[in-house]
N, C-alpha and C. Protein backbone atom coordinates (compact mmCIF):
# COMPACT_ATOMS: atom_id res chain seq x y z
N MET A 1 31.11 24.23 33.87
CA MET A 1 30.49 23.41 32.83
C MET A 1 31.51 22.40 32.32
N PRO A 2 31.12 21.11 32.19
CA PRO A 2 32.08 20.11 31.72
C PRO A 2 32.49 20.36 30.27
N GLN A 3 33.67 19.85 29.93
CA GLN A 3 34.17 19.96 28.56
C GLN A 3 33.26 19.17 27.63
N PRO A 4 33.01 19.69 26.43
CA PRO A 4 32.18 18.93 25.49
C PRO A 4 32.89 17.67 25.01
N ASP A 5 32.09 16.71 24.63
CA ASP A 5 32.61 15.46 24.08
C ASP A 5 33.38 15.74 22.79
N HIS A 6 34.25 14.80 22.45
CA HIS A 6 34.85 14.79 21.11
C HIS A 6 33.68 14.65 20.14
N VAL A 7 33.60 15.50 19.16
CA VAL A 7 32.49 15.45 18.21
C VAL A 7 32.92 14.67 16.97
N MET A 8 34.00 15.12 16.35
CA MET A 8 34.51 14.44 15.16
C MET A 8 35.94 14.89 14.92
N ALA A 9 36.59 14.28 13.95
CA ALA A 9 37.99 14.58 13.66
C ALA A 9 38.17 15.96 13.02
N LEU A 10 37.12 16.50 12.44
CA LEU A 10 37.20 17.83 11.83
C LEU A 10 36.77 18.87 12.86
N PRO A 11 37.23 20.11 12.70
CA PRO A 11 36.87 21.14 13.69
C PRO A 11 35.37 21.46 13.64
N VAL A 12 34.81 21.64 14.82
CA VAL A 12 33.39 21.98 14.96
C VAL A 12 33.32 23.38 15.54
N PRO A 13 32.51 24.25 14.97
CA PRO A 13 32.41 25.61 15.52
C PRO A 13 31.96 25.59 16.98
N GLU A 14 32.68 26.33 17.83
CA GLU A 14 32.29 26.42 19.22
C GLU A 14 30.94 27.10 19.37
N THR A 15 30.75 28.14 18.59
CA THR A 15 29.44 28.82 18.54
C THR A 15 29.00 28.82 17.08
N PRO A 16 28.27 27.78 16.68
CA PRO A 16 27.89 27.67 15.28
C PRO A 16 27.00 28.81 14.82
N ASP A 17 27.12 29.14 13.56
CA ASP A 17 26.30 30.19 12.94
C ASP A 17 24.98 29.55 12.50
N LEU A 18 24.00 29.54 13.42
CA LEU A 18 22.74 28.88 13.17
C LEU A 18 21.65 29.89 12.86
N ASP A 19 20.82 29.55 11.87
CA ASP A 19 19.65 30.39 11.62
C ASP A 19 18.66 30.14 12.77
N PRO A 20 17.62 30.96 12.89
CA PRO A 20 16.70 30.82 14.02
C PRO A 20 16.06 29.42 14.15
N GLU A 21 15.74 28.79 13.02
CA GLU A 21 15.13 27.46 13.08
C GLU A 21 16.09 26.41 13.62
N MET A 22 17.34 26.47 13.20
CA MET A 22 18.33 25.49 13.68
C MET A 22 18.73 25.80 15.13
N ALA A 23 18.77 27.07 15.48
CA ALA A 23 19.04 27.43 16.88
C ALA A 23 17.92 26.89 17.77
N ALA A 24 16.69 26.96 17.30
CA ALA A 24 15.56 26.42 18.06
C ALA A 24 15.68 24.90 18.18
N LEU A 25 16.15 24.24 17.14
CA LEU A 25 16.36 22.78 17.19
C LEU A 25 17.40 22.44 18.25
N PHE A 26 18.52 23.16 18.27
CA PHE A 26 19.56 22.91 19.27
C PHE A 26 18.99 23.13 20.67
N ALA A 27 18.21 24.19 20.85
CA ALA A 27 17.62 24.49 22.17
C ALA A 27 16.64 23.39 22.58
N LYS A 28 15.86 22.89 21.62
CA LYS A 28 14.91 21.82 21.91
C LYS A 28 15.65 20.55 22.34
N CYS A 29 16.75 20.25 21.69
CA CYS A 29 17.56 19.09 22.08
C CYS A 29 18.08 19.25 23.50
N GLU A 30 18.60 20.43 23.81
CA GLU A 30 19.10 20.71 25.16
C GLU A 30 18.00 20.49 26.19
N GLU A 31 16.80 20.98 25.85
CA GLU A 31 15.67 20.87 26.77
C GLU A 31 15.23 19.43 26.96
N LYS A 32 15.08 18.68 25.86
CA LYS A 32 14.55 17.32 25.92
C LYS A 32 15.60 16.29 26.35
N LEU A 33 16.81 16.42 25.83
CA LEU A 33 17.85 15.42 26.07
C LEU A 33 18.86 15.84 27.13
N GLY A 34 19.03 17.16 27.27
CA GLY A 34 20.08 17.66 28.16
C GLY A 34 21.38 17.90 27.42
N PHE A 35 21.39 17.69 26.11
CA PHE A 35 22.57 17.91 25.28
C PHE A 35 22.14 18.00 23.82
N VAL A 36 23.05 18.52 22.99
CA VAL A 36 22.83 18.56 21.55
C VAL A 36 23.56 17.35 20.97
N PRO A 37 22.87 16.46 20.26
CA PRO A 37 23.55 15.31 19.68
C PRO A 37 24.74 15.73 18.81
N ASN A 38 25.83 14.98 18.96
CA ASN A 38 27.04 15.33 18.21
C ASN A 38 26.84 15.33 16.71
N VAL A 39 25.91 14.55 16.20
CA VAL A 39 25.67 14.58 14.75
C VAL A 39 25.22 15.98 14.32
N LEU A 40 24.40 16.62 15.12
CA LEU A 40 23.97 17.99 14.79
C LEU A 40 25.12 18.97 14.96
N ARG A 41 25.89 18.79 16.01
CA ARG A 41 27.06 19.65 16.20
C ARG A 41 28.04 19.49 15.04
N ALA A 42 28.22 18.25 14.57
CA ALA A 42 29.12 18.02 13.44
C ALA A 42 28.60 18.71 12.18
N TYR A 43 27.32 18.56 11.91
CA TYR A 43 26.74 19.17 10.71
C TYR A 43 26.72 20.69 10.80
N SER A 44 26.90 21.27 11.99
CA SER A 44 26.93 22.72 12.11
C SER A 44 28.15 23.31 11.39
N LEU A 45 29.12 22.46 11.06
CA LEU A 45 30.25 22.91 10.24
C LEU A 45 29.77 23.37 8.86
N ARG A 46 28.66 22.81 8.40
CA ARG A 46 28.07 23.13 7.10
C ARG A 46 26.59 23.44 7.33
N PRO A 47 26.25 24.68 7.71
CA PRO A 47 24.88 25.01 8.12
C PRO A 47 23.77 24.63 7.13
N LYS A 48 24.00 24.76 5.85
CA LYS A 48 22.96 24.37 4.88
C LYS A 48 22.74 22.86 4.92
N LYS A 49 23.81 22.12 5.08
CA LYS A 49 23.69 20.66 5.17
C LYS A 49 23.04 20.26 6.49
N LEU A 50 23.29 21.02 7.55
CA LEU A 50 22.62 20.77 8.82
C LEU A 50 21.12 20.86 8.64
N ARG A 51 20.66 21.90 7.99
CA ARG A 51 19.22 22.09 7.77
C ARG A 51 18.66 20.92 6.95
N THR A 52 19.34 20.55 5.87
CA THR A 52 18.88 19.45 5.02
C THR A 52 18.85 18.14 5.80
N PHE A 53 19.92 17.88 6.55
CA PHE A 53 20.00 16.66 7.35
C PHE A 53 18.85 16.62 8.36
N ALA A 54 18.64 17.70 9.07
CA ALA A 54 17.59 17.75 10.10
C ALA A 54 16.20 17.56 9.49
N GLN A 55 15.97 18.18 8.35
CA GLN A 55 14.66 18.03 7.70
C GLN A 55 14.44 16.59 7.24
N LEU A 56 15.44 16.00 6.62
CA LEU A 56 15.29 14.62 6.16
C LEU A 56 15.14 13.67 7.34
N TYR A 57 15.96 13.85 8.37
CA TYR A 57 15.84 13.01 9.57
C TYR A 57 14.44 13.09 10.14
N ASN A 58 13.92 14.30 10.30
CA ASN A 58 12.59 14.46 10.88
C ASN A 58 11.51 13.83 10.02
N GLU A 59 11.62 13.95 8.72
CA GLU A 59 10.63 13.34 7.82
C GLU A 59 10.68 11.82 7.94
N LEU A 60 11.88 11.26 7.94
CA LEU A 60 12.03 9.81 8.00
C LEU A 60 11.67 9.22 9.36
N MET A 61 12.08 9.89 10.42
CA MET A 61 11.99 9.28 11.74
C MET A 61 10.75 9.67 12.54
N VAL A 62 10.16 10.82 12.25
CA VAL A 62 8.95 11.21 13.00
C VAL A 62 7.80 11.60 12.09
N GLY A 63 8.03 11.59 10.79
CA GLY A 63 6.98 11.92 9.84
C GLY A 63 5.94 10.81 9.75
N GLU A 64 4.89 11.09 9.01
CA GLU A 64 3.81 10.11 8.83
C GLU A 64 4.34 8.86 8.15
N SER A 65 4.01 7.70 8.71
CA SER A 65 4.47 6.44 8.16
C SER A 65 3.67 5.30 8.78
N GLY A 66 3.58 4.20 8.08
CA GLY A 66 3.01 2.98 8.63
C GLY A 66 3.97 2.28 9.56
N LEU A 67 5.21 2.76 9.62
CA LEU A 67 6.21 2.21 10.53
C LEU A 67 6.16 2.99 11.83
N SER A 68 6.23 2.29 12.94
CA SER A 68 6.28 2.98 14.22
C SER A 68 7.65 3.65 14.38
N LYS A 69 7.74 4.56 15.32
CA LYS A 69 9.03 5.20 15.63
C LYS A 69 10.03 4.13 16.07
N LEU A 70 9.56 3.17 16.88
CA LEU A 70 10.45 2.09 17.31
C LEU A 70 10.96 1.30 16.12
N GLU A 71 10.10 0.95 15.18
CA GLU A 71 10.54 0.18 14.01
C GLU A 71 11.58 0.95 13.20
N ARG A 72 11.41 2.24 13.07
CA ARG A 72 12.39 3.05 12.33
C ARG A 72 13.73 3.07 13.06
N GLU A 73 13.68 3.16 14.40
CA GLU A 73 14.92 3.12 15.18
C GLU A 73 15.58 1.75 15.09
N MET A 74 14.77 0.71 15.03
CA MET A 74 15.31 -0.65 14.88
C MET A 74 16.07 -0.77 13.56
N ILE A 75 15.50 -0.21 12.50
CA ILE A 75 16.19 -0.21 11.20
C ILE A 75 17.53 0.51 11.33
N ALA A 76 17.52 1.67 12.00
CA ALA A 76 18.77 2.43 12.17
C ALA A 76 19.83 1.59 12.85
N VAL A 77 19.45 0.84 13.88
CA VAL A 77 20.43 0.03 14.61
C VAL A 77 20.93 -1.13 13.76
N VAL A 78 20.04 -1.81 13.07
CA VAL A 78 20.46 -2.97 12.28
C VAL A 78 21.36 -2.55 11.11
N VAL A 79 21.01 -1.48 10.43
CA VAL A 79 21.86 -0.98 9.35
C VAL A 79 23.22 -0.58 9.92
N SER A 80 23.21 0.10 11.06
CA SER A 80 24.46 0.54 11.68
C SER A 80 25.29 -0.63 12.16
N SER A 81 24.63 -1.72 12.56
CA SER A 81 25.35 -2.93 12.93
C SER A 81 26.08 -3.50 11.71
N ALA A 82 25.37 -3.58 10.60
CA ALA A 82 25.98 -4.10 9.37
C ALA A 82 27.18 -3.26 8.94
N ASN A 83 27.10 -1.95 9.21
CA ASN A 83 28.16 -1.02 8.81
C ASN A 83 29.18 -0.75 9.91
N HIS A 84 28.99 -1.34 11.09
CA HIS A 84 29.88 -1.13 12.23
C HIS A 84 30.02 0.36 12.56
N CYS A 85 28.91 1.07 12.55
CA CYS A 85 28.93 2.50 12.84
C CYS A 85 28.71 2.73 14.33
N TYR A 86 29.78 3.02 15.02
CA TYR A 86 29.72 3.20 16.47
C TYR A 86 28.76 4.32 16.85
N TYR A 87 28.83 5.45 16.18
CA TYR A 87 27.96 6.58 16.53
C TYR A 87 26.49 6.15 16.53
N CYS A 88 26.04 5.61 15.43
CA CYS A 88 24.61 5.29 15.30
C CYS A 88 24.20 4.11 16.16
N LEU A 89 25.10 3.17 16.39
CA LEU A 89 24.76 2.05 17.27
C LEU A 89 24.47 2.55 18.69
N VAL A 90 25.29 3.47 19.16
CA VAL A 90 25.09 4.01 20.51
C VAL A 90 23.85 4.89 20.56
N ALA A 91 23.74 5.85 19.66
CA ALA A 91 22.63 6.81 19.70
C ALA A 91 21.28 6.15 19.44
N HIS A 92 21.20 5.32 18.43
CA HIS A 92 19.91 4.70 18.09
C HIS A 92 19.63 3.48 18.95
N GLY A 93 20.69 2.85 19.48
CA GLY A 93 20.47 1.79 20.47
C GLY A 93 19.78 2.35 21.71
N GLN A 94 20.17 3.56 22.11
CA GLN A 94 19.51 4.22 23.24
C GLN A 94 18.06 4.51 22.92
N ALA A 95 17.78 4.96 21.70
CA ALA A 95 16.39 5.23 21.30
C ALA A 95 15.56 3.96 21.33
N VAL A 96 16.13 2.83 20.91
CA VAL A 96 15.42 1.55 20.96
C VAL A 96 15.13 1.18 22.42
N ARG A 97 16.11 1.37 23.31
CA ARG A 97 15.88 1.09 24.74
C ARG A 97 14.71 1.92 25.26
N LYS A 98 14.74 3.19 24.92
CA LYS A 98 13.70 4.11 25.43
C LYS A 98 12.32 3.75 24.87
N LEU A 99 12.23 3.58 23.57
CA LEU A 99 10.93 3.35 22.94
C LEU A 99 10.36 1.97 23.25
N SER A 100 11.21 0.99 23.41
CA SER A 100 10.73 -0.38 23.66
C SER A 100 10.54 -0.66 25.15
N GLY A 101 11.23 0.11 25.99
CA GLY A 101 11.20 -0.19 27.42
C GLY A 101 12.02 -1.43 27.76
N ASP A 102 12.79 -1.90 26.78
CA ASP A 102 13.59 -3.12 26.94
C ASP A 102 15.07 -2.73 26.93
N PRO A 103 15.76 -2.83 28.08
CA PRO A 103 17.16 -2.42 28.12
C PRO A 103 18.11 -3.31 27.32
N GLU A 104 17.64 -4.49 26.88
CA GLU A 104 18.50 -5.41 26.14
C GLU A 104 18.29 -5.35 24.63
N LEU A 105 17.11 -4.93 24.19
CA LEU A 105 16.78 -5.02 22.77
C LEU A 105 17.76 -4.26 21.88
N GLY A 106 18.11 -3.04 22.25
CA GLY A 106 19.04 -2.26 21.42
C GLY A 106 20.36 -2.97 21.23
N GLU A 107 20.86 -3.59 22.30
CA GLU A 107 22.13 -4.30 22.19
C GLU A 107 21.99 -5.58 21.38
N MET A 108 20.87 -6.28 21.53
CA MET A 108 20.65 -7.48 20.71
C MET A 108 20.65 -7.11 19.23
N LEU A 109 19.95 -6.02 18.90
CA LEU A 109 19.90 -5.59 17.51
C LEU A 109 21.29 -5.18 17.02
N ALA A 110 22.07 -4.57 17.89
CA ALA A 110 23.40 -4.11 17.51
C ALA A 110 24.36 -5.27 17.26
N PHE A 111 24.27 -6.30 18.09
CA PHE A 111 25.22 -7.41 17.95
C PHE A 111 24.76 -8.45 16.95
N ASN A 112 23.47 -8.79 16.99
CA ASN A 112 22.94 -9.78 16.06
C ASN A 112 21.42 -9.75 16.18
N TYR A 113 20.78 -9.00 15.29
CA TYR A 113 19.33 -8.83 15.40
C TYR A 113 18.58 -10.16 15.33
N ARG A 114 19.19 -11.18 14.75
CA ARG A 114 18.53 -12.48 14.63
C ARG A 114 18.38 -13.16 15.99
N ALA A 115 19.14 -12.71 17.00
CA ALA A 115 19.04 -13.28 18.35
C ALA A 115 17.84 -12.74 19.11
N ALA A 116 17.29 -11.62 18.66
CA ALA A 116 16.16 -11.00 19.36
C ALA A 116 14.86 -11.71 19.02
N LYS A 117 13.99 -11.83 20.00
CA LYS A 117 12.66 -12.38 19.77
C LYS A 117 11.81 -11.25 19.21
N LEU A 118 11.54 -11.31 17.91
CA LEU A 118 10.81 -10.25 17.22
C LEU A 118 9.53 -10.79 16.61
N GLU A 119 8.59 -9.91 16.40
CA GLU A 119 7.39 -10.27 15.66
C GLU A 119 7.80 -10.57 14.22
N PRO A 120 7.08 -11.44 13.52
CA PRO A 120 7.42 -11.74 12.13
C PRO A 120 7.52 -10.48 11.26
N ARG A 121 6.66 -9.51 11.51
CA ARG A 121 6.69 -8.24 10.76
C ARG A 121 8.05 -7.56 10.93
N GLN A 122 8.50 -7.46 12.17
CA GLN A 122 9.78 -6.80 12.43
C GLN A 122 10.94 -7.60 11.88
N ARG A 123 10.88 -8.92 11.98
CA ARG A 123 11.95 -9.76 11.44
C ARG A 123 12.07 -9.55 9.93
N ALA A 124 10.94 -9.55 9.22
CA ALA A 124 10.96 -9.33 7.76
C ALA A 124 11.54 -7.96 7.43
N MET A 125 11.13 -6.95 8.18
CA MET A 125 11.61 -5.59 7.96
C MET A 125 13.13 -5.51 8.14
N LEU A 126 13.63 -6.13 9.20
CA LEU A 126 15.06 -6.07 9.48
C LEU A 126 15.86 -6.94 8.53
N ASP A 127 15.30 -8.07 8.10
CA ASP A 127 15.97 -8.89 7.07
C ASP A 127 16.15 -8.07 5.80
N PHE A 128 15.12 -7.31 5.44
CA PHE A 128 15.16 -6.48 4.23
C PHE A 128 16.23 -5.39 4.39
N ALA A 129 16.22 -4.70 5.54
CA ALA A 129 17.19 -3.62 5.77
C ALA A 129 18.62 -4.14 5.78
N TRP A 130 18.82 -5.32 6.39
CA TRP A 130 20.16 -5.93 6.43
C TRP A 130 20.64 -6.26 5.02
N LYS A 131 19.78 -6.91 4.25
CA LYS A 131 20.16 -7.31 2.90
C LYS A 131 20.41 -6.08 2.03
N LEU A 132 19.57 -5.06 2.16
CA LEU A 132 19.77 -3.84 1.38
C LEU A 132 21.11 -3.19 1.71
N THR A 133 21.55 -3.33 2.95
CA THR A 133 22.83 -2.77 3.38
C THR A 133 24.00 -3.61 2.91
N LYS A 134 23.90 -4.92 3.08
CA LYS A 134 25.03 -5.80 2.80
C LYS A 134 25.14 -6.24 1.34
N GLU A 135 24.00 -6.40 0.64
CA GLU A 135 24.01 -6.90 -0.74
C GLU A 135 22.95 -6.19 -1.57
N PRO A 136 23.05 -4.88 -1.72
CA PRO A 136 21.97 -4.14 -2.38
C PRO A 136 21.73 -4.58 -3.82
N TRP A 137 22.74 -5.07 -4.48
CA TRP A 137 22.59 -5.50 -5.88
C TRP A 137 21.75 -6.76 -6.02
N THR A 138 21.48 -7.46 -4.91
CA THR A 138 20.69 -8.69 -4.98
C THR A 138 19.21 -8.47 -4.68
N MET A 139 18.83 -7.24 -4.37
CA MET A 139 17.43 -6.96 -4.01
C MET A 139 16.53 -7.17 -5.23
N GLY A 140 15.36 -7.74 -4.97
CA GLY A 140 14.43 -7.97 -6.06
C GLY A 140 13.01 -8.14 -5.56
N GLU A 141 12.12 -8.51 -6.46
CA GLU A 141 10.72 -8.66 -6.12
C GLU A 141 10.47 -9.63 -4.96
N PRO A 142 11.19 -10.75 -4.86
CA PRO A 142 10.96 -11.63 -3.71
C PRO A 142 11.18 -10.92 -2.36
N ASP A 143 12.12 -9.99 -2.31
CA ASP A 143 12.37 -9.25 -1.06
C ASP A 143 11.20 -8.33 -0.73
N ARG A 144 10.67 -7.67 -1.73
CA ARG A 144 9.50 -6.80 -1.51
C ARG A 144 8.28 -7.66 -1.17
N GLN A 145 8.15 -8.81 -1.82
CA GLN A 145 7.01 -9.68 -1.54
C GLN A 145 7.07 -10.21 -0.11
N ALA A 146 8.25 -10.49 0.39
CA ALA A 146 8.38 -10.94 1.78
C ALA A 146 7.85 -9.88 2.74
N LEU A 147 8.06 -8.61 2.41
CA LEU A 147 7.51 -7.54 3.25
C LEU A 147 5.99 -7.49 3.13
N ARG A 148 5.48 -7.64 1.92
CA ARG A 148 4.02 -7.67 1.74
C ARG A 148 3.41 -8.82 2.54
N ASP A 149 4.06 -9.98 2.46
CA ASP A 149 3.57 -11.17 3.16
C ASP A 149 3.56 -10.96 4.69
N ALA A 150 4.44 -10.08 5.16
CA ALA A 150 4.52 -9.77 6.59
C ALA A 150 3.53 -8.67 7.00
N GLY A 151 2.80 -8.14 6.01
CA GLY A 151 1.77 -7.15 6.33
C GLY A 151 2.11 -5.71 5.96
N PHE A 152 3.21 -5.48 5.29
CA PHE A 152 3.58 -4.13 4.90
C PHE A 152 2.93 -3.75 3.58
N GLY A 153 2.51 -2.50 3.49
CA GLY A 153 1.97 -1.96 2.25
C GLY A 153 3.07 -1.36 1.40
N GLU A 154 2.70 -0.90 0.22
CA GLU A 154 3.68 -0.35 -0.72
C GLU A 154 4.40 0.87 -0.14
N GLU A 155 3.67 1.77 0.52
CA GLU A 155 4.31 2.94 1.12
C GLU A 155 5.24 2.54 2.25
N ASP A 156 4.86 1.52 3.00
CA ASP A 156 5.73 1.01 4.08
C ASP A 156 7.03 0.48 3.50
N ILE A 157 6.94 -0.24 2.40
CA ILE A 157 8.15 -0.79 1.77
C ILE A 157 9.07 0.34 1.35
N PHE A 158 8.50 1.39 0.78
CA PHE A 158 9.32 2.55 0.42
C PHE A 158 9.95 3.15 1.66
N ASP A 159 9.19 3.28 2.76
CA ASP A 159 9.73 3.87 3.99
C ASP A 159 10.84 3.02 4.59
N ILE A 160 10.71 1.71 4.52
CA ILE A 160 11.77 0.83 5.02
C ILE A 160 13.04 1.05 4.20
N ALA A 161 12.90 1.05 2.88
CA ALA A 161 14.07 1.26 2.00
C ALA A 161 14.68 2.64 2.22
N ASP A 162 13.83 3.66 2.33
CA ASP A 162 14.31 5.04 2.50
C ASP A 162 15.05 5.20 3.83
N THR A 163 14.51 4.61 4.89
CA THR A 163 15.15 4.70 6.20
C THR A 163 16.48 3.95 6.20
N ALA A 164 16.50 2.76 5.64
CA ALA A 164 17.75 1.99 5.57
C ALA A 164 18.80 2.75 4.75
N ALA A 165 18.39 3.33 3.65
CA ALA A 165 19.33 4.08 2.81
C ALA A 165 19.89 5.30 3.53
N PHE A 166 19.04 6.00 4.27
CA PHE A 166 19.48 7.17 5.03
C PHE A 166 20.56 6.78 6.03
N TYR A 167 20.35 5.67 6.73
CA TYR A 167 21.36 5.27 7.72
C TYR A 167 22.62 4.72 7.09
N ASN A 168 22.52 4.15 5.91
CA ASN A 168 23.75 3.79 5.20
C ASN A 168 24.57 5.03 4.89
N MET A 169 23.90 6.08 4.43
CA MET A 169 24.60 7.35 4.15
C MET A 169 25.16 7.93 5.45
N SER A 170 24.33 8.01 6.47
CA SER A 170 24.77 8.61 7.74
C SER A 170 25.93 7.84 8.36
N ASN A 171 25.87 6.51 8.28
CA ASN A 171 26.96 5.70 8.81
C ASN A 171 28.28 6.02 8.12
N ARG A 172 28.22 6.19 6.82
CA ARG A 172 29.44 6.46 6.08
C ARG A 172 30.01 7.83 6.41
N VAL A 173 29.16 8.82 6.56
CA VAL A 173 29.63 10.15 6.96
C VAL A 173 30.24 10.07 8.36
N ALA A 174 29.55 9.44 9.30
CA ALA A 174 30.06 9.33 10.67
C ALA A 174 31.41 8.62 10.71
N SER A 175 31.55 7.57 9.94
CA SER A 175 32.82 6.84 9.90
C SER A 175 33.92 7.67 9.25
N ALA A 176 33.59 8.38 8.19
CA ALA A 176 34.58 9.15 7.45
C ALA A 176 35.18 10.29 8.28
N VAL A 177 34.38 10.86 9.18
CA VAL A 177 34.87 12.01 9.95
C VAL A 177 35.11 11.66 11.42
N ASP A 178 35.10 10.36 11.74
CA ASP A 178 35.34 9.89 13.11
C ASP A 178 34.39 10.57 14.10
N MET A 179 33.10 10.57 13.74
CA MET A 179 32.09 11.16 14.62
C MET A 179 31.84 10.22 15.79
N LEU A 180 31.84 10.76 16.98
CA LEU A 180 31.59 9.95 18.17
C LEU A 180 30.29 10.39 18.83
N PRO A 181 29.57 9.43 19.42
CA PRO A 181 28.32 9.77 20.10
C PRO A 181 28.59 10.51 21.42
N ASN A 182 27.62 11.28 21.83
CA ASN A 182 27.71 11.93 23.13
C ASN A 182 27.79 10.85 24.20
N ARG A 183 28.63 11.04 25.19
CA ARG A 183 28.77 10.06 26.28
C ARG A 183 27.46 9.84 27.02
N ASP A 184 26.63 10.87 27.05
CA ASP A 184 25.36 10.79 27.77
C ASP A 184 24.48 9.63 27.31
N TYR A 185 24.56 9.27 26.03
CA TYR A 185 23.72 8.20 25.51
C TYR A 185 23.90 6.90 26.29
N HIS A 186 25.13 6.63 26.73
CA HIS A 186 25.44 5.38 27.40
C HIS A 186 24.68 5.21 28.71
N LYS A 187 24.33 6.33 29.34
CA LYS A 187 23.68 6.27 30.66
C LYS A 187 22.17 6.26 30.58
N LEU A 188 21.62 6.62 29.43
CA LEU A 188 20.17 6.81 29.32
C LEU A 188 19.42 5.49 29.18
N ASP A 189 18.27 5.42 29.83
CA ASP A 189 17.30 4.32 29.68
C ASP A 189 17.89 2.95 29.99
N ARG A 190 18.71 2.91 31.01
CA ARG A 190 19.29 1.62 31.46
C ARG A 190 18.47 1.08 32.61
């Protein structure tokens, strides 16, 4: 069996103490992806936080929303671009490639989302996420109105803000502990 990837600068348990639900999550990742994402392996250092992180991630990224899964992944990439978060750019860039079927879109979003040919709805959503990341103190009613004008409802606006905020937090944790993405992400959906 090959050596595991570098996960983060802090020690990660070789055999984490996982409750049955989190063990099932790790097994599901192995089955679907062929590996356990390093973010989950990193959070296994703090099992209660792993559970909280996984629950919040699942609610934001696969829970009921007016945003598609692709749109949520696009937000993750654009926020991570603003924050220069290598882990999330690689992992969520791969998800954008997979969900869009476009091998270039994830990289366009990572380098400069404004270069991508996007629907006006997606452009407004990403403009909002970028501004919330780079200049949160300047957010106001005109920013929310721009989303309404692009066709988003009130719950969608909350979901865009919530998703962008989650990735701002995740980016900072990943940067603080030198979390690296699994090498496998680089090969997927090319």
